[in-house]
PDB file of N, CA and C in Angstrom:
ATOM      1  N   UNK A   1      14.165 -32.958   1.611  1.00  0.00           N
ATOM      2  CA  UNK A   1      13.834 -32.182   2.811  1.00  0.00           C
ATOM      3  C   UNK A   1      14.317 -30.743   2.651  1.00  0.00           C
ATOM      4  N   UNK A   2      15.516 -30.577   2.109  1.00  0.00           N
ATOM      5  CA  UNK A   2      16.084 -29.239   1.934  1.00  0.00           C
ATOM      6  C   UNK A   2      15.243 -28.416   0.973  1.00  0.00           C
ATOM      7  N   UNK A   3      14.824 -29.062  -0.134  1.00  0.00           N
ATOM      8  CA  UNK A   3      13.968 -28.376  -1.109  1.00  0.00           C
ATOM      9  C   UNK A   3      12.642 -27.976  -0.471  1.00  0.00           C
ATOM     10  N   UNK A   4      12.115 -28.849   0.378  1.00  0.00           N
ATOM     11  CA  UNK A   4      10.847 -28.554   1.048  1.00  0.00           C
ATOM     12  C   UNK A   4      10.987 -27.303   1.916  1.00  0.00           C
ATOM     13  N   UNK A   5      12.105 -27.199   2.630  1.00  0.00           N
ATOM     14  CA  UNK A   5      12.354 -26.022   3.480  1.00  0.00           C
ATOM     15  C   UNK A   5      12.428 -24.764   2.624  1.00  0.00           C
ATOM     16  N   UNK A   6      13.121 -24.847   1.489  1.00  0.00           N
ATOM     17  CA  UNK A   6      13.267 -23.684   0.607  1.00  0.00           C
ATOM     18  C   UNK A   6      11.906 -23.250   0.066  1.00  0.00           C
ATOM     19  N   UNK A   7      11.117 -24.212  -0.422  1.00  0.00           N
ATOM     20  CA  UNK A   7       9.817 -23.855  -1.006  1.00  0.00           C
ATOM     21  C   UNK A   7       8.877 -23.299   0.052  1.00  0.00           C
ATOM     22  N   UNK A   8       8.923 -23.853   1.259  1.00  0.00           N
ATOM     23  CA  UNK A   8       8.051 -23.343   2.323  1.00  0.00           C
ATOM     24  C   UNK A   8       8.473 -21.936   2.721  1.00  0.00           C
ATOM     25  N   UNK A   9       9.778 -21.678   2.751  1.00  0.00           N
ATOM     26  CA  UNK A   9      10.273 -20.334   3.057  1.00  0.00           C
ATOM     27  C   UNK A   9       9.824 -19.352   1.989  1.00  0.00           C
ATOM     28  N   UNK A  10       9.938 -19.765   0.718  1.00  0.00           N
ATOM     29  CA  UNK A  10       9.533 -18.890  -0.383  1.00  0.00           C
ATOM     30  C   UNK A  10       8.044 -18.580  -0.314  1.00  0.00           C
ATOM     31  N   UNK A  11       7.234 -19.587  -0.022  1.00  0.00           N
ATOM     32  CA  UNK A  11       5.791 -19.358   0.052  1.00  0.00           C
ATOM     33  C   UNK A  11       5.455 -18.438   1.222  1.00  0.00           C
ATOM     34  N   UNK A  12       6.163 -18.598   2.334  1.00  0.00           N
ATOM     35  CA  UNK A  12       5.951 -17.720   3.486  1.00  0.00           C
ATOM     36  C   UNK A  12       6.329 -16.292   3.115  1.00  0.00           C
ATOM     37  N   UNK A  13       7.454 -16.127   2.419  1.00  0.00           N
ATOM     38  CA  UNK A  13       7.900 -14.794   2.012  1.00  0.00           C
ATOM     39  C   UNK A  13       6.883 -14.134   1.091  1.00  0.00           C
ATOM     40  N   UNK A  14       6.381 -14.871   0.111  1.00  0.00           N
ATOM     41  CA  UNK A  14       5.406 -14.299  -0.817  1.00  0.00           C
ATOM     42  C   UNK A  14       4.104 -13.992  -0.086  1.00  0.00           C
ATOM     43  N   UNK A  15       3.733 -14.837   0.879  1.00  0.00           N
ATOM     44  CA  UNK A  15       2.529 -14.589   1.670  1.00  0.00           C
ATOM     45  C   UNK A  15       2.694 -13.311   2.484  1.00  0.00           C
ATOM     46  N   UNK A  16       3.850 -13.139   3.111  1.00  0.00           N
ATOM     47  CA  UNK A  16       4.129 -11.937   3.902  1.00  0.00           C
ATOM     48  C   UNK A  16       4.095 -10.707   3.001  1.00  0.00           C
ATOM     49  N   UNK A  17       4.686 -10.819   1.798  1.00  0.00           N
ATOM     50  CA  UNK A  17       4.653  -9.713   0.836  1.00  0.00           C
ATOM     51  C   UNK A  17       3.217  -9.347   0.504  1.00  0.00           C
ATOM     52  N   UNK A  18       2.388 -10.343   0.275  1.00  0.00           N
ATOM     53  CA  UNK A  18       0.983 -10.097  -0.044  1.00  0.00           C
ATOM     54  C   UNK A  18       0.271  -9.389   1.094  1.00  0.00           C
ATOM     55  N   UNK A  19       0.559  -9.811   2.324  1.00  0.00           N
ATOM     56  CA  UNK A  19      -0.065  -9.179   3.494  1.00  0.00           C
ATOM     57  C   UNK A  19       0.374  -7.725   3.589  1.00  0.00           C
ATOM     58  N   UNK A  20       1.676  -7.476   3.393  1.00  0.00           N
ATOM     59  CA  UNK A  20       2.185  -6.104   3.455  1.00  0.00           C
ATOM     60  C   UNK A  20       1.527  -5.225   2.397  1.00  0.00           C
ATOM     61  N   UNK A  21       1.397  -5.748   1.176  1.00  0.00           N
ATOM     62  CA  UNK A  21       0.777  -4.979   0.084  1.00  0.00           C
ATOM     63  C   UNK A  21      -0.678  -4.684   0.425  1.00  0.00           C
ATOM     64  N   UNK A  22      -1.389  -5.692   0.931  1.00  0.00           N
ATOM     65  CA  UNK A  22      -2.799  -5.498   1.295  1.00  0.00           C
ATOM     66  C   UNK A  22      -2.929  -4.460   2.395  1.00  0.00           C
ATOM     67  N   UNK A  23      -2.076  -4.553   3.412  1.00  0.00           N
ATOM     68  CA  UNK A  23      -2.114  -3.580   4.509  1.00  0.00           C
ATOM     69  C   UNK A  23      -1.805  -2.186   3.992  1.00  0.00           C
ATOM     70  N   UNK A  24      -0.821  -2.092   3.103  1.00  0.00           N
ATOM     71  CA  UNK A  24      -0.422  -0.804   2.539  1.00  0.00           C
ATOM     72  C   UNK A  24      -1.592  -0.162   1.805  1.00  0.00           C
ATOM     73  N   UNK A  25      -2.285  -0.947   0.976  1.00  0.00           N
ATOM     74  CA  UNK A  25      -3.434  -0.424   0.232  1.00  0.00           C
ATOM     75  C   UNK A  25      -4.547  -0.006   1.191  1.00  0.00           C
ATOM     76  N   UNK A  26      -4.800  -0.828   2.203  1.00  0.00           N
ATOM     77  CA  UNK A  26      -5.861  -0.518   3.167  1.00  0.00           C
ATOM     78  C   UNK A  26      -5.557   0.788   3.888  1.00  0.00           C
ATOM     79  N   UNK A  27      -4.301   0.969   4.312  1.00  0.00           N
ATOM     80  CA  UNK A  27      -3.905   2.194   5.014  1.00  0.00           C
ATOM     81  C   UNK A  27      -4.064   3.400   4.096  1.00  0.00           C
ATOM     82  N   UNK A  28      -3.630   3.266   2.832  1.00  0.00           N
ATOM     83  CA  UNK A  28      -3.748   4.375   1.881  1.00  0.00           C
ATOM     84  C   UNK A  28      -5.205   4.748   1.656  1.00  0.00           C
ATOM     85  N   UNK A  29      -6.060   3.742   1.456  1.00  0.00           N
ATOM     86  CA  UNK A  29      -7.488   3.998   1.231  1.00  0.00           C
ATOM     87  C   UNK A  29      -8.082   4.680   2.463  1.00  0.00           C
ATOM     88  N   UNK A  30      -7.710   4.200   3.653  1.00  0.00           N
ATOM     89  CA  UNK A  30      -8.224   4.793   4.894  1.00  0.00           C
ATOM     90  C   UNK A  30      -7.802   6.248   4.993  1.00  0.00           C
ATOM     91  N   UNK A  31      -6.532   6.534   4.688  1.00  0.00           N
ATOM     92  CA  UNK A  31      -6.045   7.911   4.740  1.00  0.00           C
ATOM     93  C   UNK A  31      -6.787   8.791   3.740  1.00  0.00           C
ATOM     94  N   UNK A  32      -7.004   8.275   2.521  1.00  0.00           N
ATOM     95  CA  UNK A  32      -7.686   9.060   1.480  1.00  0.00           C
ATOM     96  C   UNK A  32      -9.115   9.366   1.918  1.00  0.00           C
ATOM     97  N   UNK A  33      -9.825   8.336   2.383  1.00  0.00           N
ATOM     98  CA  UNK A  33     -11.214   8.529   2.821  1.00  0.00           C
ATOM     99  C   UNK A  33     -11.255   9.493   3.999  1.00  0.00           C
ATOM    100  N   UNK A  34     -10.341   9.311   4.939  1.00  0.00           N
ATOM    101  CA  UNK A  34     -10.291  10.177   6.116  1.00  0.00           C
ATOM    102  C   UNK A  34      -9.962  11.606   5.701  1.00  0.00           C
ATOM    103  N   UNK A  35      -9.027  11.747   4.759  1.00  0.00           N
ATOM    104  CA  UNK A  35      -8.659  13.075   4.268  1.00  0.00           C
ATOM    105  C   UNK A  35      -9.834  13.779   3.621  1.00  0.00           C
ATOM    106  N   UNK A  36     -10.598  13.037   2.811  1.00  0.00           N
ATOM    107  CA  UNK A  36     -11.766  13.625   2.155  1.00  0.00           C
ATOM    108  C   UNK A  36     -12.800  14.054   3.196  1.00  0.00           C
ATOM    109  N   UNK A  37     -13.017  13.223   4.213  1.00  0.00           N
ATOM    110  CA  UNK A  37     -14.022  13.556   5.226  1.00  0.00           C
ATOM    111  C   UNK A  37     -13.577  14.783   6.019  1.00  0.00           C
ATOM    112  N   UNK A  38     -12.282  14.889   6.302  1.00  0.00           N
ATOM    113  CA  UNK A  38     -11.758  16.055   7.015  1.00  0.00           C
ATOM    114  C   UNK A  38     -11.947  17.299   6.155  1.00  0.00           C
ATOM    115  N   UNK A  39     -11.660  17.185   4.856  1.00  0.00           N
ATOM    116  CA  UNK A  39     -11.806  18.326   3.947  1.00  0.00           C
ATOM    117  C   UNK A  39     -13.266  18.767   3.871  1.00  0.00           C
ATOM    118  N   UNK A  40     -14.191  17.823   3.808  1.00  0.00           N
ATOM    119  CA  UNK A  40     -15.607  18.174   3.692  1.00  0.00           C
ATOM    120  C   UNK A  40     -16.102  18.815   4.989  1.00  0.00           C
ATOM    121  N   UNK A  41     -15.537  18.390   6.124  1.00  0.00           N
ATOM    122  CA  UNK A  41     -15.927  18.978   7.410  1.00  0.00           C
ATOM    123  C   UNK A  41     -15.442  20.422   7.471  1.00  0.00           C
ATOM    124  N   UNK A  42     -14.217  20.655   7.027  1.00  0.00           N
ATOM    125  CA  UNK A  42     -13.679  22.019   7.021  1.00  0.00           C
ATOM    126  C   UNK A  42     -14.470  22.870   6.035  1.00  0.00           C
TER     127      UNK A  42
END
């Protein structure tokens, strides 16, 4: 049971890390695209 708790915690942590990385990339891409569109408008 203890091992099960540890492995489930680890999988949750890695899943959260993956979500954070995905969100980070999405935000960066959005900023880059938005920055380019702002530059082209100016």
